[in-house]
Amino acid sequence: MFSPDDVDRIVEHMNDAHSEDLIRYAEAYGDVIEAKGARMTGIDAEGFDLEVEQEKATVPVRIDFDAPLDTVDEARAVLVEMAMAARDAAER
């Protein structure tokens, strides 16, 4: 379980430093086509939430992890792994 401070820190970091990865998450894992932008709005042991900007609307997207996470370090590792896989998929 993540503390509220953990959640705030992860969300702020992802929005500040990984905006392109958030778009790729939406497209690779959230079945979003042509995202114009994305913001992380929350994260928990089961997955994370995004607000995704599309051409005509901003939509909420939930992306579930393959398995529940126990620690912030696990969240970091899984988010990095997912980002790398989404980058590889985007390059194809």
PDB file of N, CA and C in Angstrom:
ATOM      1  N   MET A   1       0.852  -1.185   0.000  1.00  0.00           N
ATOM      2  CA  MET A   1       0.000   0.000   0.000  1.00  0.00           C
ATOM      3  C   MET A   1       0.890   1.239   0.000  1.00  0.00           C
ATOM      4  N   PHE A   2       0.518   2.215  -0.797  1.00  0.00           N
ATOM      5  CA  PHE A   2       1.290   3.452  -0.886  1.00  0.00           C
ATOM      6  C   PHE A   2       0.673   4.506   0.035  1.00  0.00           C
ATOM      7  N   SER A   3       1.525   5.260   0.710  1.00  0.00           N
ATOM      8  CA  SER A   3       1.041   6.353   1.551  1.00  0.00           C
ATOM      9  C   SER A   3       0.597   7.502   0.645  1.00  0.00           C
ATOM     10  N   PRO A   4      -0.221   8.414   1.168  1.00  0.00           N
ATOM     11  CA  PRO A   4      -0.596   9.589   0.370  1.00  0.00           C
ATOM     12  C   PRO A   4       0.624  10.379  -0.116  1.00  0.00           C
ATOM     13  N   ASP A   5       1.674  10.458   0.710  1.00  0.00           N
ATOM     14  CA  ASP A   5       2.898  11.153   0.292  1.00  0.00           C
ATOM     15  C   ASP A   5       3.579  10.422  -0.859  1.00  0.00           C
ATOM     16  N   ASP A   6       3.597   9.076  -0.790  1.00  0.00           N
ATOM     17  CA  ASP A   6       4.163   8.289  -1.895  1.00  0.00           C
ATOM     18  C   ASP A   6       3.405   8.563  -3.188  1.00  0.00           C
ATOM     19  N   VAL A   7       2.087   8.537  -3.107  1.00  0.00           N
ATOM     20  CA  VAL A   7       1.247   8.770  -4.284  1.00  0.00           C
ATOM     21  C   VAL A   7       1.535  10.155  -4.859  1.00  0.00           C
ATOM     22  N   ASP A   8       1.545  11.164  -4.008  1.00  0.00           N
ATOM     23  CA  ASP A   8       1.806  12.531  -4.469  1.00  0.00           C
ATOM     24  C   ASP A   8       3.169  12.633  -5.146  1.00  0.00           C
ATOM     25  N   ARG A   9       4.176  12.023  -4.545  1.00  0.00           N
ATOM     26  CA  ARG A   9       5.538  12.088  -5.079  1.00  0.00           C
ATOM     27  C   ARG A   9       5.626  11.392  -6.440  1.00  0.00           C
ATOM     28  N   ILE A  10       5.026  10.204  -6.564  1.00  0.00           N
ATOM     29  CA  ILE A  10       5.060   9.465  -7.827  1.00  0.00           C
ATOM     30  C   ILE A  10       4.314  10.231  -8.909  1.00  0.00           C
ATOM     31  N   VAL A  11       3.109  10.695  -8.595  1.00  0.00           N
ATOM     32  CA  VAL A  11       2.289  11.413  -9.575  1.00  0.00           C
ATOM     33  C   VAL A  11       3.004  12.681 -10.042  1.00  0.00           C
ATOM     34  N   GLU A  12       3.548  13.442  -9.105  1.00  0.00           N
ATOM     35  CA  GLU A  12       4.244  14.677  -9.469  1.00  0.00           C
ATOM     36  C   GLU A  12       5.456  14.380 -10.349  1.00  0.00           C
ATOM     37  N   HIS A  13       6.228  13.375  -9.968  1.00  0.00           N
ATOM     38  CA  HIS A  13       7.417  13.020 -10.748  1.00  0.00           C
ATOM     39  C   HIS A  13       7.033  12.567 -12.163  1.00  0.00           C
ATOM     40  N   MET A  14       6.036  11.715 -12.270  1.00  0.00           N
ATOM     41  CA  MET A  14       5.635  11.220 -13.589  1.00  0.00           C
ATOM     42  C   MET A  14       5.135  12.365 -14.468  1.00  0.00           C
ATOM     43  N   ASN A  15       4.358  13.257 -13.910  1.00  0.00           N
ATOM     44  CA  ASN A  15       3.835  14.376 -14.704  1.00  0.00           C
ATOM     45  C   ASN A  15       4.938  15.362 -15.089  1.00  0.00           C
ATOM     46  N   ASP A  16       5.902  15.582 -14.202  1.00  0.00           N
ATOM     47  CA  ASP A  16       6.969  16.539 -14.473  1.00  0.00           C
ATOM     48  C   ASP A  16       8.045  15.978 -15.409  1.00  0.00           C
ATOM     49  N   ALA A  17       8.385  14.714 -15.242  1.00  0.00           N
ATOM     50  CA  ALA A  17       9.560  14.170 -15.932  1.00  0.00           C
ATOM     51  C   ALA A  17       9.258  13.157 -17.028  1.00  0.00           C
ATOM     52  N   HIS A  18       8.031  12.653 -17.088  1.00  0.00           N
ATOM     53  CA  HIS A  18       7.756  11.542 -18.011  1.00  0.00           C
ATOM     54  C   HIS A  18       6.470  11.727 -18.807  1.00  0.00           C
ATOM     55  N   SER A  19       6.215  12.941 -19.258  1.00  0.00           N
ATOM     56  CA  SER A  19       4.965  13.207 -19.976  1.00  0.00           C
ATOM     57  C   SER A  19       4.844  12.385 -21.253  1.00  0.00           C
ATOM     58  N   GLU A  20       5.944  12.184 -21.960  1.00  0.00           N
ATOM     59  CA  GLU A  20       5.889  11.376 -23.189  1.00  0.00           C
ATOM     60  C   GLU A  20       5.584   9.912 -22.870  1.00  0.00           C
ATOM     61  N   ASP A  21       6.140   9.411 -21.770  1.00  0.00           N
ATOM     62  CA  ASP A  21       5.837   8.032 -21.359  1.00  0.00           C
ATOM     63  C   ASP A  21       4.364   7.885 -20.998  1.00  0.00           C
ATOM     64  N   LEU A  22       3.776   8.898 -20.371  1.00  0.00           N
ATOM     65  CA  LEU A  22       2.357   8.823 -20.020  1.00  0.00           C
ATOM     66  C   LEU A  22       1.495   8.701 -21.282  1.00  0.00           C
ATOM     67  N   ILE A  23       1.857   9.427 -22.331  1.00  0.00           N
ATOM     68  CA  ILE A  23       1.131   9.294 -23.602  1.00  0.00           C
ATOM     69  C   ILE A  23       1.296   7.880 -24.144  1.00  0.00           C
ATOM     70  N   ARG A  24       2.518   7.366 -24.111  1.00  0.00           N
ATOM     71  CA  ARG A  24       2.753   5.996 -24.604  1.00  0.00           C
ATOM     72  C   ARG A  24       2.005   4.960 -23.764  1.00  0.00           C
ATOM     73  N   TYR A  25       1.942   5.158 -22.434  1.00  0.00           N
ATOM     74  CA  TYR A  25       1.148   4.241 -21.603  1.00  0.00           C
ATOM     75  C   TYR A  25      -0.300   4.223 -22.086  1.00  0.00           C
ATOM     76  N   ALA A  26      -0.861   5.409 -22.301  1.00  0.00           N
ATOM     77  CA  ALA A  26      -2.265   5.505 -22.721  1.00  0.00           C
ATOM     78  C   ALA A  26      -2.490   4.755 -24.026  1.00  0.00           C
ATOM     79  N   GLU A  27      -1.561   4.915 -24.961  1.00  0.00           N
ATOM     80  CA  GLU A  27      -1.731   4.285 -26.268  1.00  0.00           C
ATOM     81  C   GLU A  27      -1.445   2.785 -26.221  1.00  0.00           C
ATOM     82  N   ALA A  28      -0.404   2.380 -25.482  1.00  0.00           N
ATOM     83  CA  ALA A  28      -0.007   0.966 -25.461  1.00  0.00           C
ATOM     84  C   ALA A  28      -0.867   0.110 -24.537  1.00  0.00           C
ATOM     85  N   TYR A  29      -1.273   0.666 -23.404  1.00  0.00           N
ATOM     86  CA  TYR A  29      -1.970  -0.134 -22.393  1.00  0.00           C
ATOM     87  C   TYR A  29      -3.420   0.279 -22.182  1.00  0.00           C
ATOM     88  N   GLY A  30      -3.776   1.472 -22.628  1.00  0.00           N
ATOM     89  CA  GLY A  30      -5.124   1.981 -22.402  1.00  0.00           C
ATOM     90  C   GLY A  30      -5.985   1.995 -23.645  1.00  0.00           C
ATOM     91  N   ASP A  31      -5.454   1.434 -24.744  1.00  0.00           N
ATOM     92  CA  ASP A  31      -6.194   1.365 -26.007  1.00  0.00           C
ATOM     93  C   ASP A  31      -6.662   2.732 -26.485  1.00  0.00           C
ATOM     94  N   VAL A  32      -5.879   3.757 -26.219  1.00  0.00           N
ATOM     95  CA  VAL A  32      -6.187   5.106 -26.678  1.00  0.00           C
ATOM     96  C   VAL A  32      -5.473   5.314 -28.011  1.00  0.00           C
ATOM     97  N   ILE A  33      -6.170   5.889 -28.955  1.00  0.00           N
ATOM     98  CA  ILE A  33      -5.583   6.179 -30.261  1.00  0.00           C
ATOM     99  C   ILE A  33      -5.278   7.666 -30.343  1.00  0.00           C
ATOM    100  N   GLU A  34      -4.041   7.978 -30.714  1.00  0.00           N
ATOM    101  CA  GLU A  34      -3.614   9.355 -30.925  1.00  0.00           C
ATOM    102  C   GLU A  34      -3.874  10.286 -29.740  1.00  0.00           C
ATOM    103  N   ALA A  35      -3.273   9.957 -28.622  1.00  0.00           N
ATOM    104  CA  ALA A  35      -3.344  10.840 -27.451  1.00  0.00           C
ATOM    105  C   ALA A  35      -2.538  12.103 -27.746  1.00  0.00           C
ATOM    106  N   LYS A  36      -3.085  13.237 -27.379  1.00  0.00           N
ATOM    107  CA  LYS A  36      -2.397  14.525 -27.551  1.00  0.00           C
ATOM    108  C   LYS A  36      -1.622  14.899 -26.293  1.00  0.00           C
ATOM    109  N   GLY A  37      -2.009  14.363 -25.164  1.00  0.00           N
ATOM    110  CA  GLY A  37      -1.356  14.621 -23.896  1.00  0.00           C
ATOM    111  C   GLY A  37      -1.918  13.688 -22.846  1.00  0.00           C
ATOM    112  N   ALA A  38      -1.211  13.555 -21.733  1.00  0.00           N
ATOM    113  CA  ALA A  38      -1.693  12.702 -20.642  1.00  0.00           C
ATOM    114  C   ALA A  38      -1.080  13.172 -19.331  1.00  0.00           C
ATOM    115  N   ARG A  39      -1.866  13.042 -18.266  1.00  0.00           N
ATOM    116  CA  ARG A  39      -1.418  13.342 -16.905  1.00  0.00           C
ATOM    117  C   ARG A  39      -1.783  12.169 -16.013  1.00  0.00           C
ATOM    118  N   MET A  40      -0.874  11.790 -15.134  1.00  0.00           N
ATOM    119  CA  MET A  40      -1.204  10.794 -14.125  1.00  0.00           C
ATOM    120  C   MET A  40      -1.988  11.503 -13.032  1.00  0.00           C
ATOM    121  N   THR A  41      -3.102  10.908 -12.613  1.00  0.00           N
ATOM    122  CA  THR A  41      -3.921  11.506 -11.560  1.00  0.00           C
ATOM    123  C   THR A  41      -3.914  10.682 -10.281  1.00  0.00           C
ATOM    124  N   GLY A  42      -3.422   9.442 -10.354  1.00  0.00           N
ATOM    125  CA  GLY A  42      -3.370   8.605  -9.162  1.00  0.00           C
ATOM    126  C   GLY A  42      -2.668   7.299  -9.450  1.00  0.00           C
ATOM    127  N   ILE A  43      -2.224   6.651  -8.383  1.00  0.00           N
ATOM    128  CA  ILE A  43      -1.592   5.339  -8.481  1.00  0.00           C
ATOM    129  C   ILE A  43      -1.885   4.589  -7.195  1.00  0.00           C
ATOM    130  N   ASP A  44      -2.095   3.292  -7.311  1.00  0.00           N
ATOM    131  CA  ASP A  44      -2.272   2.431  -6.140  1.00  0.00           C
ATOM    132  C   ASP A  44      -1.641   1.085  -6.458  1.00  0.00           C
ATOM    133  N   ALA A  45      -1.778   0.142  -5.553  1.00  0.00           N
ATOM    134  CA  ALA A  45      -1.130  -1.156  -5.724  1.00  0.00           C
ATOM    135  C   ALA A  45      -1.627  -1.917  -6.943  1.00  0.00           C
ATOM    136  N   GLU A  46      -2.821  -1.597  -7.401  1.00  0.00           N
ATOM    137  CA  GLU A  46      -3.436  -2.341  -8.509  1.00  0.00           C
ATOM    138  C   GLU A  46      -3.167  -1.722  -9.881  1.00  0.00           C
ATOM    139  N   GLY A  47      -2.870  -0.407  -9.931  1.00  0.00           N
ATOM    140  CA  GLY A  47      -2.660   0.246 -11.216  1.00  0.00           C
ATOM    141  C   GLY A  47      -2.611   1.751 -11.060  1.00  0.00           C
ATOM    142  N   PHE A  48      -2.791   2.447 -12.194  1.00  0.00           N
ATOM    143  CA  PHE A  48      -2.745   3.910 -12.137  1.00  0.00           C
ATOM    144  C   PHE A  48      -3.789   4.522 -13.054  1.00  0.00           C
ATOM    145  N   ASP A  49      -4.079   5.788 -12.777  1.00  0.00           N
ATOM    146  CA  ASP A  49      -5.104   6.524 -13.512  1.00  0.00           C
ATOM    147  C   ASP A  49      -4.478   7.672 -14.273  1.00  0.00           C
ATOM    148  N   LEU A  50      -4.977   7.874 -15.485  1.00  0.00           N
ATOM    149  CA  LEU A  50      -4.538   8.967 -16.335  1.00  0.00           C
ATOM    150  C   LEU A  50      -5.733   9.794 -16.776  1.00  0.00           C
ATOM    151  N   GLU A  51      -5.490  11.055 -17.064  1.00  0.00           N
ATOM    152  CA  GLU A  51      -6.417  11.892 -17.820  1.00  0.00           C
ATOM    153  C   GLU A  51      -5.749  12.080 -19.167  1.00  0.00           C
ATOM    154  N   VAL A  52      -6.408  11.630 -20.221  1.00  0.00           N
ATOM    155  CA  VAL A  52      -5.797  11.633 -21.542  1.00  0.00           C
ATOM    156  C   VAL A  52      -6.532  12.606 -22.446  1.00  0.00           C
ATOM    157  N   GLU A  53      -5.753  13.505 -23.038  1.00  0.00           N
ATOM    158  CA  GLU A  53      -6.312  14.477 -23.979  1.00  0.00           C
ATOM    159  C   GLU A  53      -6.323  13.863 -25.369  1.00  0.00           C
ATOM    160  N   GLN A  54      -7.513  13.870 -25.972  1.00  0.00           N
ATOM    161  CA  GLN A  54      -7.651  13.435 -27.350  1.00  0.00           C
ATOM    162  C   GLN A  54      -8.102  14.632 -28.175  1.00  0.00           C
ATOM    163  N   GLU A  55      -8.349  14.413 -29.433  1.00  0.00           N
ATOM    164  CA  GLU A  55      -8.713  15.502 -30.336  1.00  0.00           C
ATOM    165  C   GLU A  55      -9.882  16.329 -29.805  1.00  0.00           C
ATOM    166  N   LYS A  56     -10.941  15.668 -29.340  1.00  0.00           N
ATOM    167  CA  LYS A  56     -12.164  16.389 -28.976  1.00  0.00           C
ATOM    168  C   LYS A  56     -12.554  16.275 -27.510  1.00  0.00           C
ATOM    169  N   ALA A  57     -11.801  15.523 -26.729  1.00  0.00           N
ATOM    170  CA  ALA A  57     -12.212  15.322 -25.335  1.00  0.00           C
ATOM    171  C   ALA A  57     -11.021  14.897 -24.481  1.00  0.00           C
ATOM    172  N   THR A  58     -11.171  15.072 -23.175  1.00  0.00           N
ATOM    173  CA  THR A  58     -10.234  14.518 -22.207  1.00  0.00           C
ATOM    174  C   THR A  58     -10.951  13.372 -21.513  1.00  0.00           C
ATOM    175  N   VAL A  59     -10.321  12.196 -21.519  1.00  0.00           N
ATOM    176  CA  VAL A  59     -10.981  10.999 -21.010  1.00  0.00           C
ATOM    177  C   VAL A  59     -10.153  10.368 -19.889  1.00  0.00           C
ATOM    178  N   PRO A  60     -10.826   9.791 -18.892  1.00  0.00           N
ATOM    179  CA  PRO A  60     -10.103   9.051 -17.860  1.00  0.00           C
ATOM    180  C   PRO A  60      -9.717   7.673 -18.387  1.00  0.00           C
ATOM    181  N   VAL A  61      -8.524   7.229 -18.034  1.00  0.00           N
ATOM    182  CA  VAL A  61      -8.040   5.911 -18.443  1.00  0.00           C
ATOM    183  C   VAL A  61      -7.435   5.235 -17.224  1.00  0.00           C
ATOM    184  N   ARG A  62      -7.833   4.011 -16.970  1.00  0.00           N
ATOM    185  CA  ARG A  62      -7.271   3.205 -15.878  1.00  0.00           C
ATOM    186  C   ARG A  62      -6.396   2.130 -16.494  1.00  0.00           C
ATOM    187  N   ILE A  63      -5.177   2.013 -16.008  1.00  0.00           N
ATOM    188  CA  ILE A  63      -4.260   0.973 -16.471  1.00  0.00           C
ATOM    189  C   ILE A  63      -3.894   0.112 -15.275  1.00  0.00           C
ATOM    190  N   ASP A  64      -4.230  -1.165 -15.375  1.00  0.00           N
ATOM    191  CA  ASP A  64      -3.967  -2.097 -14.278  1.00  0.00           C
ATOM    192  C   ASP A  64      -2.581  -2.713 -14.423  1.00  0.00           C
ATOM    193  N   PHE A  65      -1.936  -2.959 -13.282  1.00  0.00           N
ATOM    194  CA  PHE A  65      -0.683  -3.705 -13.264  1.00  0.00           C
ATOM    195  C   PHE A  65      -1.003  -5.184 -13.441  1.00  0.00           C
ATOM    196  N   ASP A  66      -0.014  -5.965 -13.899  1.00  0.00           N
ATOM    197  CA  ASP A  66      -0.220  -7.406 -14.066  1.00  0.00           C
ATOM    198  C   ASP A  66      -0.467  -8.097 -12.730  1.00  0.00           C
ATOM    199  N   ALA A  67       0.161  -7.583 -11.684  1.00  0.00           N
ATOM    200  CA  ALA A  67      -0.002  -8.128 -10.328  1.00  0.00           C
ATOM    201  C   ALA A  67       0.067  -6.963  -9.354  1.00  0.00           C
ATOM    202  N   PRO A  68      -0.598  -7.076  -8.201  1.00  0.00           N
ATOM    203  CA  PRO A  68      -0.543  -5.997  -7.210  1.00  0.00           C
ATOM    204  C   PRO A  68       0.888  -5.734  -6.741  1.00  0.00           C
ATOM    205  N   LEU A  69       1.188  -4.467  -6.477  1.00  0.00           N
ATOM    206  CA  LEU A  69       2.506  -4.065  -6.020  1.00  0.00           C
ATOM    207  C   LEU A  69       2.476  -3.812  -4.514  1.00  0.00           C
ATOM    208  N   ASP A  70       3.609  -4.033  -3.869  1.00  0.00           N
ATOM    209  CA  ASP A  70       3.687  -3.848  -2.420  1.00  0.00           C
ATOM    210  C   ASP A  70       4.460  -2.610  -2.003  1.00  0.00           C
ATOM    211  N   THR A  71       5.401  -2.167  -2.833  1.00  0.00           N
ATOM    212  CA  THR A  71       6.276  -1.075  -2.417  1.00  0.00           C
ATOM    213  C   THR A  71       6.429  -0.025  -3.520  1.00  0.00           C
ATOM    214  N   VAL A  72       6.914   1.134  -3.117  1.00  0.00           N
ATOM    215  CA  VAL A  72       7.208   2.194  -4.076  1.00  0.00           C
ATOM    216  C   VAL A  72       8.316   1.746  -5.034  1.00  0.00           C
ATOM    217  N   ASP A  73       9.290   0.997  -4.525  1.00  0.00           N
ATOM    218  CA  ASP A  73      10.362   0.495  -5.397  1.00  0.00           C
ATOM    219  C   ASP A  73       9.811  -0.437  -6.470  1.00  0.00           C
ATOM    220  N   GLU A  74       8.845  -1.267  -6.105  1.00  0.00           N
ATOM    221  CA  GLU A  74       8.205  -2.123  -7.107  1.00  0.00           C
ATOM    222  C   GLU A  74       7.475  -1.276  -8.142  1.00  0.00           C
ATOM    223  N   ALA A  75       6.802  -0.218  -7.697  1.00  0.00           N
ATOM    224  CA  ALA A  75       6.093   0.669  -8.622  1.00  0.00           C
ATOM    225  C   ALA A  75       7.075   1.294  -9.600  1.00  0.00           C
ATOM    226  N   ARG A  76       8.189   1.773  -9.094  1.00  0.00           N
ATOM    227  CA  ARG A  76       9.204   2.381  -9.960  1.00  0.00           C
ATOM    228  C   ARG A  76       9.673   1.370 -11.001  1.00  0.00           C
ATOM    229  N   ALA A  77       9.994   0.169 -10.573  1.00  0.00           N
ATOM    230  CA  ALA A  77      10.493  -0.853 -11.494  1.00  0.00           C
ATOM    231  C   ALA A  77       9.458  -1.211 -12.555  1.00  0.00           C
ATOM    232  N   VAL A  78       8.216  -1.370 -12.152  1.00  0.00           N
ATOM    233  CA  VAL A  78       7.156  -1.726 -13.097  1.00  0.00           C
ATOM    234  C   VAL A  78       6.887  -0.581 -14.067  1.00  0.00           C
ATOM    235  N   LEU A  79       6.861   0.649 -13.588  1.00  0.00           N
ATOM    236  CA  LEU A  79       6.633   1.790 -14.476  1.00  0.00           C
ATOM    237  C   LEU A  79       7.760   1.922 -15.500  1.00  0.00           C
ATOM    238  N   VAL A  80       9.004   1.684 -15.089  1.00  0.00           N
ATOM    239  CA  VAL A  80      10.130   1.724 -16.025  1.00  0.00           C
ATOM    240  C   VAL A  80       9.994   0.606 -17.055  1.00  0.00           C
ATOM    241  N   GLU A  81       9.684  -0.590 -16.595  1.00  0.00           N
ATOM    242  CA  GLU A  81       9.514  -1.732 -17.503  1.00  0.00           C
ATOM    243  C   GLU A  81       8.394  -1.465 -18.511  1.00  0.00           C
ATOM    244  N   MET A  82       7.283  -0.934 -18.037  1.00  0.00           N
ATOM    245  CA  MET A  82       6.158  -0.625 -18.925  1.00  0.00           C
ATOM    246  C   MET A  82       6.532   0.468 -19.918  1.00  0.00           C
ATOM    247  N   ALA A  83       7.282   1.465 -19.474  1.00  0.00           N
ATOM    248  CA  ALA A  83       7.702   2.554 -20.363  1.00  0.00           C
ATOM    249  C   ALA A  83       8.619   2.017 -21.465  1.00  0.00           C
ATOM    250  N   MET A  84       9.532   1.156 -21.111  1.00  0.00           N
ATOM    251  CA  MET A  84      10.451   0.597 -22.106  1.00  0.00           C
ATOM    252  C   MET A  84       9.683  -0.239 -23.126  1.00  0.00           C
ATOM    253  N   ALA A  85       8.738  -1.037 -22.671  1.00  0.00           N
ATOM    254  CA  ALA A  85       7.943  -1.859 -23.581  1.00  0.00           C
ATOM    255  C   ALA A  85       7.062  -0.987 -24.491  1.00  0.00           C
ATOM    256  N   ALA A  86       6.506   0.075 -23.923  1.00  0.00           N
ATOM    257  CA  ALA A  86       5.667   0.973 -24.726  1.00  0.00           C
ATOM    258  C   ALA A  86       6.502   1.731 -25.756  1.00  0.00           C
ATOM    259  N   ARG A  87       7.723   2.104 -25.389  1.00  0.00           N
ATOM    260  CA  ARG A  87       8.623   2.761 -26.361  1.00  0.00           C
ATOM    261  C   ARG A  87       8.947   1.811 -27.501  1.00  0.00           C
ATOM    262  N   ASP A  88       9.262   0.562 -27.164  1.00  0.00           N
ATOM    263  CA  ASP A  88       9.566  -0.435 -28.203  1.00  0.00           C
ATOM    264  C   ASP A  88       8.365  -0.610 -29.134  1.00  0.00           C
ATOM    265  N   ALA A  89       7.163  -0.690 -28.569  1.00  0.00           N
ATOM    266  CA  ALA A  89       5.958  -0.870 -29.373  1.00  0.00           C
ATOM    267  C   ALA A  89       5.721   0.345 -30.269  1.00  0.00           C
ATOM    268  N   ALA A  90       5.986   1.545 -29.766  1.00  0.00           N
ATOM    269  CA  ALA A  90       5.762   2.771 -30.538  1.00  0.00           C
ATOM    270  C   ALA A  90       6.740   2.885 -31.709  1.00  0.00           C
ATOM    271  N   GLU A  91       7.912   2.266 -31.568  1.00  0.00           N
ATOM    272  CA  GLU A  91       8.917   2.349 -32.634  1.00  0.00           C
ATOM    273  C   GLU A  91       8.660   1.376 -33.768  1.00  0.00           C
ATOM    274  N   ARG A  92       7.734   0.455 -33.583  1.00  0.00           N
ATOM    275  CA  ARG A  92       7.451  -0.531 -34.636  1.00  0.00           C
ATOM    276  C   ARG A  92       6.540   0.026 -35.683  1.00  0.00           C
TER     277      ARG A  92
END
